[in-house]
Amino acid sequence: GIKQDITEEKKTFDHMRHLAEHDVMTGLANRTQFQVQLGKMCGPDGSGGVLMLIDLDGFKAINDTLGHAYGDDCLIEFTRRLSATCQSADLIARIGGDEFAILFCPSSGQRAIERIAQRLVKAGKTPMNCSGRIFNISASIGFAFAEAETPTALFTRADLALYAAKAAGGDTYRSALQNQSA
């Protein structure tokens, strides 16, 4: 028999897999990993749950006026706040520039999700010290409960709720139910 140590190959494989599933800057799950987990949540065989989408208000102005280095620092700081506020989440992902998605288990009720959304809005309002400069940005949040639907349909409903929050002036949250009745 031949014996071979594959420890280094295993470490390399694990590192490559981590890079494929996570955002390099924030360390959060990336869009690919998010879509996989969202697929598991949805449909007739899915576990159900809640999808929350977050978009930072005023973030583009930081990148445009001060540059991406300051913007990156703000994203990293917001990620810290997001992770601290959403410890009960099943998955936190950065799905685009200043866009984040959070998946919660099916047992998360409307009131619990609203409390988390309120804490996230408050966390966004708190001034950020990034690279020695103070920034004031806020967060708009939309969320939807999975209702035996496709991932695309759930994402669309949460996205419509997010747009309703933005249309209300940002710095707030809306649920898909609130958005449908409005």
C-alpha atoms as a PDB file:
ATOM      1  CA  GLY A   1       0.000   0.000   0.000  1.00  0.00           C
ATOM      2  CA  ILE A   2       0.949   3.600  -0.509  1.00  0.00           C
ATOM      3  CA  LYS A   3       0.332   6.285   2.053  1.00  0.00           C
ATOM      4  CA  GLN A   4       0.146   9.932   1.020  1.00  0.00           C
ATOM      5  CA  ASP A   5      -0.480  13.072   3.085  1.00  0.00           C
ATOM      6  CA  ILE A   6      -3.172  15.160   1.377  1.00  0.00           C
ATOM      7  CA  THR A   7      -3.475  17.772   4.136  1.00  0.00           C
ATOM      8  CA  GLU A   8      -2.263  20.613   1.918  1.00  0.00           C
ATOM      9  CA  GLU A   9      -4.510  19.609  -0.976  1.00  0.00           C
ATOM     10  CA  LYS A  10      -7.490  19.503   1.414  1.00  0.00           C
ATOM     11  CA  LYS A  11      -6.618  22.973   2.764  1.00  0.00           C
ATOM     12  CA  THR A  12      -6.333  24.319  -0.783  1.00  0.00           C
ATOM     13  CA  PHE A  13      -9.658  22.746  -1.772  1.00  0.00           C
ATOM     14  CA  ASP A  14     -11.394  24.154   1.322  1.00  0.00           C
ATOM     15  CA  HIS A  15      -9.920  27.598   0.645  1.00  0.00           C
ATOM     16  CA  MET A  16     -11.055  27.504  -2.997  1.00  0.00           C
ATOM     17  CA  ARG A  17     -14.544  26.427  -1.950  1.00  0.00           C
ATOM     18  CA  HIS A  18     -14.710  29.254   0.599  1.00  0.00           C
ATOM     19  CA  LEU A  19     -13.698  31.771  -2.073  1.00  0.00           C
ATOM     20  CA  ALA A  20     -16.354  30.396  -4.436  1.00  0.00           C
ATOM     21  CA  GLU A  21     -19.118  30.780  -1.826  1.00  0.00           C
ATOM     22  CA  HIS A  22     -18.138  33.984   0.018  1.00  0.00           C
ATOM     23  CA  ASP A  23     -17.690  37.664  -0.689  1.00  0.00           C
ATOM     24  CA  VAL A  24     -13.978  38.416  -0.416  1.00  0.00           C
ATOM     25  CA  MET A  25     -14.353  41.876   1.137  1.00  0.00           C
ATOM     26  CA  THR A  26     -17.022  41.208   3.774  1.00  0.00           C
ATOM     27  CA  GLY A  27     -16.609  37.489   4.392  1.00  0.00           C
ATOM     28  CA  LEU A  28     -20.374  37.052   4.030  1.00  0.00           C
ATOM     29  CA  ALA A  29     -21.929  34.464   1.754  1.00  0.00           C
ATOM     30  CA  ASN A  30     -22.009  35.608  -1.868  1.00  0.00           C
ATOM     31  CA  ARG A  31     -24.864  35.661  -4.385  1.00  0.00           C
ATOM     32  CA  THR A  32     -24.155  32.089  -5.507  1.00  0.00           C
ATOM     33  CA  GLN A  33     -24.392  30.657  -1.994  1.00  0.00           C
ATOM     34  CA  PHE A  34     -27.454  32.825  -1.328  1.00  0.00           C
ATOM     35  CA  GLN A  35     -29.254  31.446  -4.399  1.00  0.00           C
ATOM     36  CA  VAL A  36     -28.529  27.862  -3.347  1.00  0.00           C
ATOM     37  CA  GLN A  37     -29.944  28.462   0.141  1.00  0.00           C
ATOM     38  CA  LEU A  38     -32.925  30.423  -1.205  1.00  0.00           C
ATOM     39  CA  GLY A  39     -33.731  27.463  -3.463  1.00  0.00           C
ATOM     40  CA  LYS A  40     -33.770  25.159  -0.438  1.00  0.00           C
ATOM     41  CA  MET A  41     -36.199  27.515   1.320  1.00  0.00           C
ATOM     42  CA  CYS A  42     -38.733  27.761  -1.505  1.00  0.00           C
ATOM     43  CA  GLY A  43     -41.160  25.470  -3.251  1.00  0.00           C
ATOM     44  CA  PRO A  44     -43.472  22.732  -2.035  1.00  0.00           C
ATOM     45  CA  ASP A  45     -40.576  20.734  -0.568  1.00  0.00           C
ATOM     46  CA  GLY A  46     -38.819  23.797   0.851  1.00  0.00           C
ATOM     47  CA  SER A  47     -38.403  24.551   4.512  1.00  0.00           C
ATOM     48  CA  GLY A  48     -40.034  27.990   4.247  1.00  0.00           C
ATOM     49  CA  GLY A  49     -38.755  31.051   6.023  1.00  0.00           C
ATOM     50  CA  VAL A  50     -38.205  34.746   5.506  1.00  0.00           C
ATOM     51  CA  LEU A  51     -36.174  36.646   2.919  1.00  0.00           C
ATOM     52  CA  MET A  52     -35.003  40.112   3.935  1.00  0.00           C
ATOM     53  CA  LEU A  53     -33.331  42.447   1.432  1.00  0.00           C
ATOM     54  CA  ILE A  54     -31.312  45.494   2.486  1.00  0.00           C
ATOM     55  CA  ASP A  55     -30.054  48.367   0.374  1.00  0.00           C
ATOM     56  CA  LEU A  56     -27.954  51.203   1.793  1.00  0.00           C
ATOM     57  CA  ASP A  57     -29.380  54.673   1.179  1.00  0.00           C
ATOM     58  CA  GLY A  58     -26.855  57.286   0.101  1.00  0.00           C
ATOM     59  CA  PHE A  59     -24.061  54.797  -0.447  1.00  0.00           C
ATOM     60  CA  LYS A  60     -23.500  55.704  -4.099  1.00  0.00           C
ATOM     61  CA  ALA A  61     -22.658  59.275  -3.069  1.00  0.00           C
ATOM     62  CA  ILE A  62     -19.795  58.023  -0.879  1.00  0.00           C
ATOM     63  CA  ASN A  63     -18.281  56.018  -3.737  1.00  0.00           C
ATOM     64  CA  ASP A  64     -18.814  58.841  -6.251  1.00  0.00           C
ATOM     65  CA  THR A  65     -17.447  61.693  -4.131  1.00  0.00           C
ATOM     66  CA  LEU A  66     -14.792  60.055  -1.952  1.00  0.00           C
ATOM     67  CA  GLY A  67     -13.885  56.893  -3.819  1.00  0.00           C
ATOM     68  CA  HIS A  68     -14.318  53.183  -3.445  1.00  0.00           C
ATOM     69  CA  ALA A  69     -11.843  52.828  -0.561  1.00  0.00           C
ATOM     70  CA  TYR A  70     -14.164  54.824   1.706  1.00  0.00           C
ATOM     71  CA  GLY A  71     -17.154  52.959   0.324  1.00  0.00           C
ATOM     72  CA  ASP A  72     -15.481  49.625   1.059  1.00  0.00           C
ATOM     73  CA  ASP A  73     -14.775  50.701   4.632  1.00  0.00           C
ATOM     74  CA  CYS A  74     -18.445  51.632   5.060  1.00  0.00           C
ATOM     75  CA  LEU A  75     -19.536  48.267   3.678  1.00  0.00           C
ATOM     76  CA  ILE A  76     -17.232  46.444   6.077  1.00  0.00           C
ATOM     77  CA  GLU A  77     -18.534  48.470   9.028  1.00  0.00           C
ATOM     78  CA  PHE A  78     -22.150  47.885   8.003  1.00  0.00           C
ATOM     79  CA  THR A  79     -21.385  44.169   7.655  1.00  0.00           C
ATOM     80  CA  ARG A  80     -20.166  44.131  11.266  1.00  0.00           C
ATOM     81  CA  ARG A  81     -23.385  45.772  12.404  1.00  0.00           C
ATOM     82  CA  LEU A  82     -25.483  43.468  10.235  1.00  0.00           C
ATOM     83  CA  SER A  83     -23.796  40.352  11.608  1.00  0.00           C
ATOM     84  CA  ALA A  84     -24.176  41.537  15.212  1.00  0.00           C
ATOM     85  CA  THR A  85     -27.863  42.373  14.718  1.00  0.00           C
ATOM     86  CA  CYS A  86     -28.805  39.225  12.797  1.00  0.00           C
ATOM     87  CA  GLN A  87     -27.191  36.480  14.846  1.00  0.00           C
ATOM     88  CA  SER A  88     -30.358  34.380  14.527  1.00  0.00           C
ATOM     89  CA  ALA A  89     -30.189  34.416  10.712  1.00  0.00           C
ATOM     90  CA  ASP A  90     -29.629  31.228   8.760  1.00  0.00           C
ATOM     91  CA  LEU A  91     -27.651  33.085   6.092  1.00  0.00           C
ATOM     92  CA  ILE A  92     -26.370  36.628   5.581  1.00  0.00           C
ATOM     93  CA  ALA A  93     -25.136  37.420   2.092  1.00  0.00           C
ATOM     94  CA  ARG A  94     -23.804  40.341   0.126  1.00  0.00           C
ATOM     95  CA  ILE A  95     -25.570  39.984  -3.210  1.00  0.00           C
ATOM     96  CA  GLY A  96     -24.349  43.142  -4.934  1.00  0.00           C
ATOM     97  CA  GLY A  97     -22.555  46.442  -4.345  1.00  0.00           C
ATOM     98  CA  ASP A  98     -24.464  47.745  -1.311  1.00  0.00           C
ATOM     99  CA  GLU A  99     -27.179  45.100  -1.349  1.00  0.00           C
ATOM    100  CA  PHE A 100     -27.536  42.405   1.275  1.00  0.00           C
ATOM    101  CA  ALA A 101     -29.897  39.460   1.728  1.00  0.00           C
ATOM    102  CA  ILE A 102     -30.745  37.589   4.883  1.00  0.00           C
ATOM    103  CA  LEU A 103     -32.544  34.269   5.220  1.00  0.00           C
ATOM    104  CA  PHE A 104     -34.360  33.362   8.433  1.00  0.00           C
ATOM    105  CA  CYS A 105     -35.824  30.013   9.474  1.00  0.00           C
ATOM    106  CA  PRO A 106     -39.557  29.351   9.146  1.00  0.00           C
ATOM    107  CA  SER A 107     -40.185  29.807  12.874  1.00  0.00           C
ATOM    108  CA  SER A 108     -39.334  33.523  12.627  1.00  0.00           C
ATOM    109  CA  GLY A 109     -42.641  35.318  13.045  1.00  0.00           C
ATOM    110  CA  GLN A 110     -43.698  38.687  11.655  1.00  0.00           C
ATOM    111  CA  ARG A 111     -43.068  40.513  14.960  1.00  0.00           C
ATOM    112  CA  ALA A 112     -39.586  39.019  15.370  1.00  0.00           C
ATOM    113  CA  ILE A 113     -38.628  39.985  11.823  1.00  0.00           C
ATOM    114  CA  GLU A 114     -39.997  43.505  12.310  1.00  0.00           C
ATOM    115  CA  ARG A 115     -37.907  43.887  15.489  1.00  0.00           C
ATOM    116  CA  ILE A 116     -34.799  42.821  13.579  1.00  0.00           C
ATOM    117  CA  ALA A 117     -35.660  45.255  10.756  1.00  0.00           C
ATOM    118  CA  GLN A 118     -36.095  48.059  13.306  1.00  0.00           C
ATOM    119  CA  ARG A 119     -32.688  47.265  14.842  1.00  0.00           C
ATOM    120  CA  LEU A 120     -31.100  47.225  11.384  1.00  0.00           C
ATOM    121  CA  VAL A 121     -32.605  50.611  10.509  1.00  0.00           C
ATOM    122  CA  LYS A 122     -31.237  51.951  13.808  1.00  0.00           C
ATOM    123  CA  ALA A 123     -27.819  50.363  13.140  1.00  0.00           C
ATOM    124  CA  GLY A 124     -27.737  52.028   9.722  1.00  0.00           C
ATOM    125  CA  LYS A 125     -28.565  55.442  11.224  1.00  0.00           C
ATOM    126  CA  THR A 126     -25.711  55.327  13.699  1.00  0.00           C
ATOM    127  CA  PRO A 127     -22.821  57.365  12.216  1.00  0.00           C
ATOM    128  CA  MET A 128     -19.962  55.251  10.867  1.00  0.00           C
ATOM    129  CA  ASN A 129     -16.322  56.075  11.428  1.00  0.00           C
ATOM    130  CA  CYS A 130     -14.620  54.814   8.285  1.00  0.00           C
ATOM    131  CA  SER A 131     -11.001  55.656   7.598  1.00  0.00           C
ATOM    132  CA  GLY A 132     -11.181  58.527  10.063  1.00  0.00           C
ATOM    133  CA  ARG A 133     -14.265  60.128   8.493  1.00  0.00           C
ATOM    134  CA  ILE A 134     -17.786  60.085   9.854  1.00  0.00           C
ATOM    135  CA  PHE A 135     -20.504  58.908   7.474  1.00  0.00           C
ATOM    136  CA  ASN A 136     -24.248  58.980   7.846  1.00  0.00           C
ATOM    137  CA  ILE A 137     -26.008  56.421   5.723  1.00  0.00           C
ATOM    138  CA  SER A 138     -29.249  54.615   6.284  1.00  0.00           C
ATOM    139  CA  ALA A 139     -30.792  51.316   5.260  1.00  0.00           C
ATOM    140  CA  SER A 140     -33.960  50.483   3.360  1.00  0.00           C
ATOM    141  CA  ILE A 141     -35.309  47.016   4.050  1.00  0.00           C
ATOM    142  CA  GLY A 142     -37.921  44.807   2.425  1.00  0.00           C
ATOM    143  CA  PHE A 143     -38.909  41.323   3.525  1.00  0.00           C
ATOM    144  CA  ALA A 144     -41.287  38.550   2.532  1.00  0.00           C
ATOM    145  CA  PHE A 145     -42.316  35.238   4.030  1.00  0.00           C
ATOM    146  CA  ALA A 146     -41.935  32.204   1.765  1.00  0.00           C
ATOM    147  CA  GLU A 147     -45.315  30.901   0.633  1.00  0.00           C
ATOM    148  CA  ALA A 148     -44.578  27.672  -1.297  1.00  0.00           C
ATOM    149  CA  GLU A 149     -43.344  29.650  -4.288  1.00  0.00           C
ATOM    150  CA  THR A 150     -40.330  29.766  -6.545  1.00  0.00           C
ATOM    151  CA  PRO A 151     -37.155  31.519  -5.407  1.00  0.00           C
ATOM    152  CA  THR A 152     -37.734  34.121  -8.126  1.00  0.00           C
ATOM    153  CA  ALA A 153     -41.266  34.880  -6.913  1.00  0.00           C
ATOM    154  CA  LEU A 154     -40.132  35.224  -3.284  1.00  0.00           C
ATOM    155  CA  PHE A 155     -37.218  37.462  -4.301  1.00  0.00           C
ATOM    156  CA  THR A 156     -39.568  39.618  -6.383  1.00  0.00           C
ATOM    157  CA  ARG A 157     -41.975  40.084  -3.470  1.00  0.00           C
ATOM    158  CA  ALA A 158     -39.148  41.028  -1.077  1.00  0.00           C
ATOM    159  CA  ASP A 159     -37.688  43.336  -3.727  1.00  0.00           C
ATOM    160  CA  LEU A 160     -41.056  45.086  -4.190  1.00  0.00           C
ATOM    161  CA  ALA A 161     -41.212  45.601  -0.420  1.00  0.00           C
ATOM    162  CA  LEU A 162     -37.682  47.054  -0.543  1.00  0.00           C
ATOM    163  CA  TYR A 163     -38.730  49.454  -3.305  1.00  0.00           C
ATOM    164  CA  ALA A 164     -41.742  50.477  -1.195  1.00  0.00           C
ATOM    165  CA  ALA A 165     -39.358  51.310   1.666  1.00  0.00           C
ATOM    166  CA  LYS A 166     -37.200  53.359  -0.704  1.00  0.00           C
ATOM    167  CA  ALA A 167     -40.297  55.119  -2.101  1.00  0.00           C
ATOM    168  CA  ALA A 168     -41.267  56.037   1.468  1.00  0.00           C
ATOM    169  CA  GLY A 169     -38.006  57.992   1.695  1.00  0.00           C
ATOM    170  CA  GLY A 170     -35.681  55.189   2.773  1.00  0.00           C
ATOM    171  CA  ASP A 171     -34.387  54.637   6.282  1.00  0.00           C
ATOM    172  CA  THR A 172     -37.305  52.288   6.961  1.00  0.00           C
ATOM    173  CA  TYR A 173     -38.636  48.807   6.261  1.00  0.00           C
ATOM    174  CA  ARG A 174     -41.656  47.285   4.576  1.00  0.00           C
ATOM    175  CA  SER A 175     -42.993  43.757   4.435  1.00  0.00           C
ATOM    176  CA  ALA A 176     -44.438  42.206   1.307  1.00  0.00           C
ATOM    177  CA  LEU A 177     -47.801  42.108   3.076  1.00  0.00           C
ATOM    178  CA  GLN A 178     -47.632  45.855   3.752  1.00  0.00           C
ATOM    179  CA  ASN A 179     -46.609  46.424   0.151  1.00  0.00           C
ATOM    180  CA  GLN A 180     -49.481  44.344  -1.270  1.00  0.00           C
ATOM    181  CA  SER A 181     -52.115  46.212   0.708  1.00  0.00           C
ATOM    182  CA  ALA A 182     -50.694  49.641  -0.110  1.00  0.00           C
END
